[in-house]
Protein backbone atom coordinates (compact mmCIF):
# COMPACT_ATOMS: atom_id res chain seq x y z
CA MET A 1 10.95 6.81 20.25
CA ASP A 2 10.56 10.13 22.12
CA ALA A 3 7.52 11.23 24.12
CA MET A 4 6.02 13.22 21.23
CA GLU A 5 6.25 10.28 18.84
CA GLY A 6 4.78 8.01 21.49
CA SER A 7 1.85 10.37 21.99
CA LEU A 8 1.19 10.57 18.25
CA LEU A 9 1.35 6.79 17.95
CA ALA A 10 -1.17 6.35 20.77
CA LYS A 11 -3.54 8.84 19.14
CA ALA A 12 -3.11 7.15 15.76
CA ASN A 13 -4.06 3.76 17.16
CA GLU A 14 -7.02 5.28 18.96
CA GLN A 15 -8.21 6.78 15.68
CA CYS A 16 -7.80 3.47 13.84
CA LEU A 17 -10.32 1.90 16.22
CA ASP A 18 -12.84 4.73 15.89
CA PRO A 19 -16.12 3.45 14.33
CA ALA A 20 -16.28 6.33 11.82
CA PHE A 21 -12.76 5.61 10.60
CA ARG A 22 -13.39 1.86 10.42
CA SER A 23 -16.49 2.49 8.33
CA ALA A 24 -14.52 4.73 5.96
CA VAL A 25 -11.91 2.00 5.42
CA TRP A 26 -14.61 -0.63 4.88
CA ARG A 27 -16.34 1.47 2.22
CA HIS A 28 -13.10 1.68 0.25
CA LEU A 29 -12.26 -2.01 0.50
CA GLY A 30 -12.67 -4.05 -2.66
CA TYR A 31 -12.84 -7.87 -2.85
CA ARG A 32 -14.43 -8.02 0.59
CA ASN A 33 -16.70 -10.67 2.06
CA ASP A 34 -19.89 -8.76 2.84
CA ALA A 35 -21.32 -11.79 4.64
CA ARG A 36 -18.73 -11.35 7.39
CA GLY A 37 -19.26 -7.59 7.49
CA LEU A 38 -17.39 -4.73 9.08
CA ARG A 39 -17.02 -6.60 12.36
CA ALA A 40 -14.43 -8.87 10.71
CA LEU A 41 -12.15 -5.96 9.78
CA SER A 42 -9.19 -5.37 12.08
CA THR A 43 -7.81 -1.83 11.91
CA ARG A 44 -5.47 -2.28 14.86
CA ILE A 45 -1.84 -1.42 14.02
CA HIS A 46 1.10 -2.90 15.91
CA PRO A 47 2.94 -0.17 17.86
CA ARG A 48 6.24 -1.10 16.17
CA ASP A 49 4.86 -0.97 12.63
CA GLN A 50 7.57 1.00 10.82
CA MET A 51 5.26 2.09 8.02
CA LEU A 52 3.01 4.04 10.39
CA GLN A 53 5.98 5.33 12.39
CA HIS A 54 7.57 6.62 9.18
CA SER A 55 4.41 8.56 8.26
CA LEU A 56 4.07 10.03 11.75
CA ARG A 57 7.67 11.26 11.67
CA HIS A 58 7.04 12.83 8.27
CA PHE A 59 3.69 14.55 8.89
CA HIS A 60 3.91 15.14 12.67
CA GLU A 61 0.14 14.66 12.94
CA VAL A 62 -2.30 11.76 13.00
CA ASN A 63 -4.91 12.19 10.25
CA ARG A 64 -2.64 12.31 7.24
CA SER A 65 -0.35 9.63 8.67
CA VAL A 66 -3.15 7.13 9.25
CA SER A 67 -4.80 8.06 5.95
CA GLN A 68 -1.55 7.41 4.06
CA TYR A 69 -1.05 4.09 5.83
CA PHE A 70 -4.48 2.79 4.85
CA ASN A 71 -4.49 4.41 1.42
CA VAL A 72 -1.36 2.44 0.49
CA ALA A 73 -2.65 -0.71 2.22
CA LEU A 74 -5.90 -0.61 0.25
CA GLN A 75 -4.06 -0.10 -3.03
CA GLN A 76 -1.66 -2.94 -2.23
CA HIS A 77 -4.60 -5.23 -1.52
CA ASN A 78 -6.24 -4.25 -4.80
CA ALA A 79 -3.01 -4.94 -6.68
CA ALA A 80 -2.48 -8.33 -5.04
CA GLN A 81 -6.08 -9.38 -5.69
CA GLN A 82 -5.83 -8.37 -9.34
CA VAL A 83 -2.62 -10.28 -9.92
CA PHE A 84 -4.02 -13.37 -8.21
CA ARG A 85 -7.38 -13.36 -10.00
CA ARG A 86 -6.11 -12.41 -13.45
CA VAL A 87 -3.73 -15.38 -13.46
CA LEU A 88 -5.20 -17.97 -11.06
CA GLY A 89 -8.89 -17.08 -11.10
CA ALA A 90 -11.02 -16.54 -8.00
CA PRO A 91 -9.55 -17.95 -4.77
CA ASP A 92 -10.82 -21.41 -3.87
CA PRO A 93 -10.19 -23.84 -0.98
CA ARG A 94 -7.24 -25.45 -2.78
CA HIS A 95 -5.16 -22.26 -2.95
CA ARG A 96 -2.33 -21.55 -0.54
CA LEU A 97 -1.03 -17.99 -0.28
CA LEU A 98 2.23 -16.69 1.19
CA ASP A 99 2.62 -13.04 2.16
CA PHE A 100 6.41 -12.99 2.37
CA ALA A 101 8.12 -10.13 4.24
CA CYS A 102 4.63 -9.27 5.45
CA GLY A 103 5.72 -6.67 8.01
CA TYR A 104 3.02 -6.15 10.61
CA GLY A 105 0.22 -7.21 8.30
CA ARG A 106 -0.70 -4.13 6.30
CA LEU A 107 -1.94 -6.41 3.51
CA LEU A 108 -3.05 -9.33 5.69
CA ARG A 109 -5.74 -7.31 7.46
CA PHE A 110 -7.59 -7.14 4.12
CA LEU A 111 -6.48 -10.34 2.41
CA THR A 112 -7.86 -12.48 5.24
CA LEU A 113 -11.32 -11.00 4.63
CA SER A 114 -11.61 -12.61 1.18
CA VAL A 115 -9.43 -15.70 1.64
CA PRO A 116 -9.79 -17.86 4.79
CA PRO A 117 -6.79 -17.26 7.10
CA THR A 118 -6.22 -21.02 7.21
CA GLN A 119 -5.08 -20.75 3.56
CA ILE A 120 -2.66 -17.86 4.20
CA TRP A 121 0.91 -17.99 5.54
CA ALA A 122 2.55 -14.84 6.90
CA SER A 123 6.34 -14.70 6.91
CA GLU A 124 8.63 -12.10 8.40
CA ILE A 125 12.10 -12.00 9.96
CA GLN A 126 10.88 -10.08 13.03
CA HIS A 127 9.38 -12.34 15.71
CA ASP A 128 6.81 -9.84 16.99
CA ALA A 129 5.57 -9.17 13.45
CA VAL A 130 4.94 -12.87 12.79
CA ASP A 131 3.24 -13.25 16.17
CA PHE A 132 0.99 -10.27 15.44
CA ALA A 133 0.05 -11.65 12.01
CA ALA A 134 -1.06 -14.89 13.63
CA SER A 135 -2.86 -13.44 16.64
CA GLU A 136 -4.54 -10.46 14.95
CA PHE A 137 -5.35 -11.85 11.51
CA GLY A 138 -5.35 -15.61 12.04
CA ALA A 139 -2.74 -16.44 9.39
CA HIS A 140 -0.17 -19.22 9.78
CA ALA A 141 3.04 -17.77 11.28
CA LEU A 142 6.24 -18.52 9.40
CA LEU A 143 9.47 -17.03 10.75
CA SER A 144 11.91 -16.06 8.01
CA ASP A 145 15.71 -15.97 8.01
CA VAL A 146 18.50 -13.80 6.63
CA ASP A 147 19.76 -16.79 4.64
CA PRO A 148 17.34 -17.92 1.89
CA LEU A 149 18.66 -21.49 2.09
CA ARG A 150 17.58 -21.74 5.73
CA PHE A 151 13.98 -20.81 4.94
CA GLU A 152 12.19 -24.16 4.81
CA PRO A 153 8.39 -23.96 5.10
CA ASP A 154 6.49 -27.23 5.10
CA ALA A 155 4.23 -26.12 2.26
CA ARG A 156 4.31 -24.98 -1.35
CA PHE A 157 2.26 -21.99 -2.46
CA ASP A 158 0.05 -21.06 -5.39
CA PHE A 159 0.53 -17.35 -4.82
CA ILE A 160 3.60 -15.72 -3.26
CA TRP A 161 3.34 -11.96 -2.72
CA VAL A 162 6.51 -10.00 -1.87
CA ALA A 163 5.99 -6.26 -1.43
CA SER A 164 8.91 -3.97 -0.62
CA LEU A 165 11.56 -6.60 0.03
CA PHE A 166 13.50 -6.83 -3.24
CA SER A 167 13.50 -3.03 -3.23
CA HIS A 168 15.84 -3.30 -0.21
CA LEU A 169 18.10 -6.31 -0.88
CA PRO A 170 21.80 -6.38 -1.76
CA ARG A 171 22.73 -8.26 -4.92
CA HIS A 172 23.43 -11.72 -3.45
CA LEU A 173 20.19 -11.73 -1.46
CA PHE A 174 18.19 -10.43 -4.42
CA HIS A 175 19.32 -13.46 -6.41
CA GLY A 176 19.12 -15.82 -3.44
CA TRP A 177 15.59 -14.92 -2.38
CA LEU A 178 14.21 -14.87 -5.90
CA ALA A 179 15.50 -18.38 -6.54
CA ARG A 180 14.25 -19.62 -3.17
CA LEU A 181 10.76 -18.17 -3.51
CA VAL A 182 10.29 -19.42 -7.06
CA SER A 183 11.27 -22.89 -5.79
CA LEU A 184 8.50 -22.65 -3.16
CA ALA A 185 5.77 -21.96 -5.71
CA THR A 186 3.61 -24.81 -6.94
CA PRO A 187 4.30 -25.83 -10.56
CA ASP A 188 1.49 -23.59 -11.84
CA GLY A 189 1.79 -20.99 -9.07
CA ILE A 190 3.12 -17.45 -9.34
CA VAL A 191 5.50 -15.18 -7.48
CA CYS A 192 4.83 -11.43 -7.54
CA PHE A 193 7.51 -9.09 -6.19
CA SER A 194 8.07 -5.35 -6.23
CA VAL A 195 11.21 -3.33 -6.99
CA HIS A 196 12.41 0.25 -7.20
CA ASP A 197 12.88 0.79 -10.92
CA GLU A 198 15.95 2.71 -12.07
CA CYS A 199 13.71 5.69 -12.94
CA LEU A 200 13.37 6.30 -9.17
CA LEU A 201 17.11 6.60 -8.66
CA PRO A 202 18.02 10.22 -7.84
CA ALA A 203 19.37 12.00 -10.92
CA ARG A 204 22.68 12.75 -9.21
CA ILE A 205 23.40 9.01 -8.84
CA PRO A 206 24.38 7.17 -12.05
CA MET A 207 23.04 3.66 -12.56
CA PRO A 208 25.89 1.13 -12.96
CA ALA A 209 26.11 -0.65 -16.28
CA ASP A 210 24.69 -3.88 -14.88
CA GLY A 211 21.50 -2.10 -13.74
CA PHE A 212 21.89 -2.65 -9.97
CA HIS A 213 22.47 0.00 -7.31
CA PHE A 214 22.35 -0.67 -3.56
CA ILE A 215 22.45 1.96 -0.80
CA ALA A 216 23.14 0.67 2.72
CA SER A 217 20.34 2.56 4.48
CA SER A 218 16.55 2.25 4.79
CA GLU A 219 13.56 3.45 6.82
CA ASN A 220 13.81 0.34 9.04
CA ALA A 221 16.54 1.09 11.57
CA GLU A 222 16.10 -2.31 13.26
CA LEU A 223 17.52 -4.31 10.35
CA ASP A 224 21.15 -4.79 9.37
CA THR A 225 21.88 -2.34 6.55
CA ASP A 226 24.24 -4.86 4.94
CA ALA A 227 21.22 -7.13 4.38
CA TYR A 228 18.46 -4.52 4.08
CA GLY A 229 19.08 -1.14 2.49
CA THR A 230 17.55 0.60 -0.54
CA THR A 231 17.87 -0.99 -3.98
CA PHE A 232 17.29 0.29 -7.51
CA VAL A 233 17.29 -1.99 -10.54
CA SER A 234 16.78 -1.91 -14.30
CA GLU A 235 14.45 -4.29 -16.09
CA ALA A 236 17.48 -5.87 -17.74
CA PHE A 237 18.87 -6.75 -14.30
CA VAL A 238 15.55 -8.25 -13.15
CA GLU A 239 15.29 -10.23 -16.37
CA SER A 240 18.78 -11.65 -15.76
CA ALA A 241 17.87 -12.52 -12.16
CA ILE A 242 14.74 -14.33 -13.34
CA ALA A 243 16.84 -16.19 -15.91
CA ALA A 244 19.29 -17.23 -13.18
CA ALA A 245 16.43 -18.51 -11.03
CA CYS A 246 14.24 -20.08 -13.73
CA GLY A 247 16.29 -20.53 -16.89
CA GLN A 248 17.26 -18.43 -19.87
CA ASP A 249 14.49 -16.47 -21.61
CA HIS A 250 11.97 -17.44 -18.93
CA PRO A 251 8.69 -15.51 -19.35
CA TYR A 252 7.60 -12.88 -16.83
CA PHE A 253 5.20 -9.94 -16.70
CA HIS A 254 6.25 -6.41 -15.77
CA ILE A 255 3.73 -3.93 -14.32
CA ARG A 256 5.24 -0.45 -14.14
CA ARG A 257 4.39 1.47 -10.94
CA GLY A 258 1.93 -1.26 -10.01
CA LEU A 259 2.45 -0.94 -6.26
CA ALA A 260 1.24 2.31 -4.66
CA ASN A 261 1.97 4.03 -7.98
CA GLU A 262 5.66 3.87 -7.11
CA GLN A 263 7.26 0.42 -7.17
CA ASP A 264 7.18 -1.83 -10.22
CA LEU A 265 5.71 -5.33 -9.99
CA TYR A 266 7.15 -8.44 -11.64
CA VAL A 267 5.19 -11.68 -11.93
CA VAL A 268 6.88 -14.99 -12.69
CA SER A 269 5.86 -18.66 -12.58
CA PRO A 270 8.04 -21.78 -12.43
CA ALA A 271 6.06 -23.05 -15.41
CA ARG A 272 7.11 -21.58 -18.75
CA SER A 273 3.66 -22.41 -20.06
CA ARG A 274 1.79 -20.39 -17.41
CA ASP A 275 -0.25 -17.74 -19.23
CA LEU A 276 0.38 -14.29 -17.73
CA GLY A 277 -1.41 -12.42 -20.51
CA GLY A 278 -4.39 -11.56 -18.33
CA LEU A 279 -2.18 -9.12 -16.47
CA ALA A 280 -2.28 -6.81 -19.47
CA GLY A 281 -5.64 -5.66 -18.09
CA PHE A 282 -4.15 -4.70 -14.69
CA ARG A 283 -5.45 -1.34 -13.47
CA LYS A 284 -3.71 0.93 -10.99
CA GLY A 285 -6.94 2.67 -10.06
CA ALA A 286 -7.67 6.04 -8.52
CA TRP A 287 -4.95 7.96 -6.70
CA GLY A 288 -4.30 11.34 -5.13
CA TRP A 289 -3.65 13.14 -1.88
CA VAL A 290 -4.86 15.88 0.48
CA ASP A 291 -1.96 18.33 0.75
CA GLU A 292 -3.60 20.79 3.12
CA CYS A 293 -6.40 20.43 5.65
CA HIS A 294 -7.42 22.81 8.44
CA VAL A 295 -10.28 24.63 10.10
CA SER A 296 -10.13 28.41 10.55
CA GLU A 297 -11.01 30.25 13.74
CA THR A 298 -14.37 31.11 12.16
CA GLY A 299 -15.16 27.44 11.50
CA GLU A 300 -14.37 27.28 7.79
CA LEU A 301 -13.01 23.94 6.59
CA TYR A 302 -10.31 24.23 3.93
CA LEU A 303 -8.99 21.28 1.92
CA ARG A 304 -6.59 21.24 -1.01
CA GLY A 305 -5.15 18.35 -2.99
CA TRP A 306 -5.13 16.41 -6.24
CA ALA A 307 -6.89 13.34 -7.62
CA ALA A 308 -6.74 11.28 -10.81
CA SER A 309 -7.17 7.88 -12.34
CA VAL A 310 -3.65 6.59 -12.94
CA ASP A 311 -5.03 4.62 -15.88
CA ASP A 312 -7.43 7.14 -17.45
CA GLY A 313 -6.19 10.58 -16.40
CA PRO A 314 -7.96 13.44 -14.59
CA LEU A 315 -11.17 12.93 -12.64
CA ASP A 316 -14.06 15.35 -12.87
CA SER A 317 -14.32 15.71 -9.09
CA VAL A 318 -13.48 14.33 -5.67
CA GLU A 319 -16.04 13.21 -3.11
CA ILE A 320 -15.87 14.89 0.29
CA LEU A 321 -17.98 13.69 3.21
CA VAL A 322 -18.38 16.14 6.09
CA ASP A 323 -20.13 14.41 8.99
CA GLY A 324 -21.76 12.10 6.46
CA THR A 325 -22.96 14.81 4.05
CA LEU A 326 -21.60 14.38 0.53
CA HIS A 327 -20.01 17.26 -1.39
CA ARG A 328 -18.55 16.94 -4.89
CA CYS A 329 -15.58 19.19 -5.46
CA PRO A 330 -14.47 19.73 -9.08
CA THR A 331 -10.86 19.20 -10.10
CA GLY A 332 -9.13 21.15 -12.87
CA LEU A 333 -6.67 23.33 -10.96
CA PRO A 334 -3.04 23.36 -12.18
CA ARG A 335 -0.74 20.73 -10.61
CA ASP A 336 2.47 20.77 -12.60
CA ASP A 337 4.20 19.04 -9.69
CA VAL A 338 1.95 15.99 -10.05
CA ARG A 339 2.51 15.91 -13.82
CA THR A 340 6.27 16.11 -13.33
CA VAL A 341 6.64 13.61 -10.48
CA LEU A 342 4.38 11.02 -12.11
CA ASN A 343 5.77 11.77 -15.58
CA ASP A 344 2.26 11.92 -17.05
CA THR A 345 1.27 14.94 -19.14
CA ARG A 346 -2.43 14.22 -18.53
CA LEU A 347 -2.13 15.01 -14.83
CA GLY A 348 -1.28 18.72 -15.00
CA THR A 349 -4.82 19.84 -14.09
CA THR A 350 -5.72 17.38 -11.34
CA GLY A 351 -5.78 19.91 -8.48
CA TRP A 352 -8.83 20.78 -6.39
CA GLU A 353 -9.71 23.14 -3.54
CA PHE A 354 -12.65 22.97 -1.11
CA ARG A 355 -14.08 25.45 1.39
CA HIS A 356 -17.04 24.74 3.64
CA ALA A 357 -18.54 26.40 6.72
CA LEU A 358 -18.79 23.70 9.36
CA GLY A 359 -21.43 25.37 11.50
CA ALA A 360 -22.55 24.04 14.87
CA GLY A 361 -22.22 20.38 15.74
CA PRO A 362 -20.16 17.91 17.76
CA PRO A 363 -16.70 19.01 18.91
CA ASN A 364 -15.10 17.10 16.04
CA ALA A 365 -16.22 17.02 12.41
CA PHE A 366 -15.36 13.77 10.63
CA ILE A 367 -13.89 14.38 7.18
CA GLU A 368 -13.53 11.77 4.45
CA VAL A 369 -12.09 12.42 0.97
CA THR A 370 -12.40 9.92 -1.87
CA ALA A 371 -11.09 9.75 -5.43
CA ARG A 372 -13.40 7.60 -7.55
CA SER A 373 -12.64 6.61 -11.14
CA ALA A 374 -15.22 6.38 -13.91
CA VAL A 375 -15.35 2.60 -13.44
CA GLY A 376 -15.85 2.84 -9.67
CA GLU A 377 -12.30 2.32 -8.38
CA MET A 378 -11.83 4.17 -5.09
CA ALA A 379 -8.89 5.64 -3.22
CA LEU A 380 -9.17 6.86 0.37
CA LEU A 381 -7.27 10.13 0.31
CA TYR A 382 -8.11 11.32 3.79
CA ALA A 383 -10.18 10.26 6.80
CA GLY A 384 -10.23 11.66 10.30
CA PRO A 385 -11.74 14.08 12.79
CA LEU A 386 -11.07 17.83 12.79
CA ALA A 387 -11.88 19.97 15.80
CA ARG A 388 -14.53 22.65 15.40
CA PRO A 389 -13.46 25.94 17.01
CA PRO A 390 -15.49 26.92 20.07
CA LEU A 391 -18.33 29.34 19.38
CA ARG A 392 -17.35 32.88 20.27
CA ALA A 393 -19.42 34.92 22.69
CA GLY A 394 -22.55 36.32 21.06
CA LEU A 395 -22.65 33.66 18.34
CA SER A 396 -24.27 30.86 20.32
CA THR A 397 -27.83 29.83 19.46
């Protein structure tokens, strides 16, 4: 990490601890325990968290990087909670949960607010990540291994969540870890894992006939690319892997683009009789992004982006808070890029544009942008401070 990246990372972590930012995250958090309150929320990010580092390298600035990190984290938490509750019901003291390949706790920071940490196990192959999960979020630490057969926890789990691991595994580890994790589920438990579907494979790369394509590279430079790269699969391949792990024609449930509106989710139980039908009501929620955000020399705030309900289509407006004052900005501007990338003809008019004179006030204006669906689902598209330009001579009051 060079000096510039180190400076951005320090500023990002400082922003994560800012009370205004913490409040913005809390407002967008579903399935929370209001009795514990905002004080229970940890927004601290480990300095080696690759997900934040990746965003900082991409955007070269703090606000959009931190906003993306938490936007995806909030959506992942919503997805995990839905899968759990639609199959197993509301969490109770008997349930044991495993966040496998948990990274530095992007999900755990929220999951431990609705389920006691004593009922949650956090597993990762990186020692410092497991240590952080235990010290920061209170979960049980469970060091993983490259070899699935050497992973021997002393517990079985009702809910095993695996985000962004199978989307990186070579063939033998894909099969090995799926079989191992299914074996660690309780008889009526479930395993939910995400994959890169074949539709995400670049057009120039043909999918092999067996529906599996592995590229020996990933965003995590610390891991061996022979064991952790980038993987694309067809549903037929996943179905065959589930059959190998659980038996021929074993039932499963497939949620397309269920994780961060990108990766597909698959849910499977060791029990053939486990009813997964409730997952048909799974909702992906609100989504969108702020593509442009700046303040002019004259103090005019300019924002531009898109917003939609992935389930229901375009939203009427986005909500923009400027220093706590709410503005509703209508959508409806052309966004053929969104329609094309998400392959959804409904989303061609999801664009919006916002201009606002900031006026006098504190040195920094705090901006928060929210997409809210008709049924109240929320996505945090942007949150962070923007510097007001200094008043020019003759304009002071």
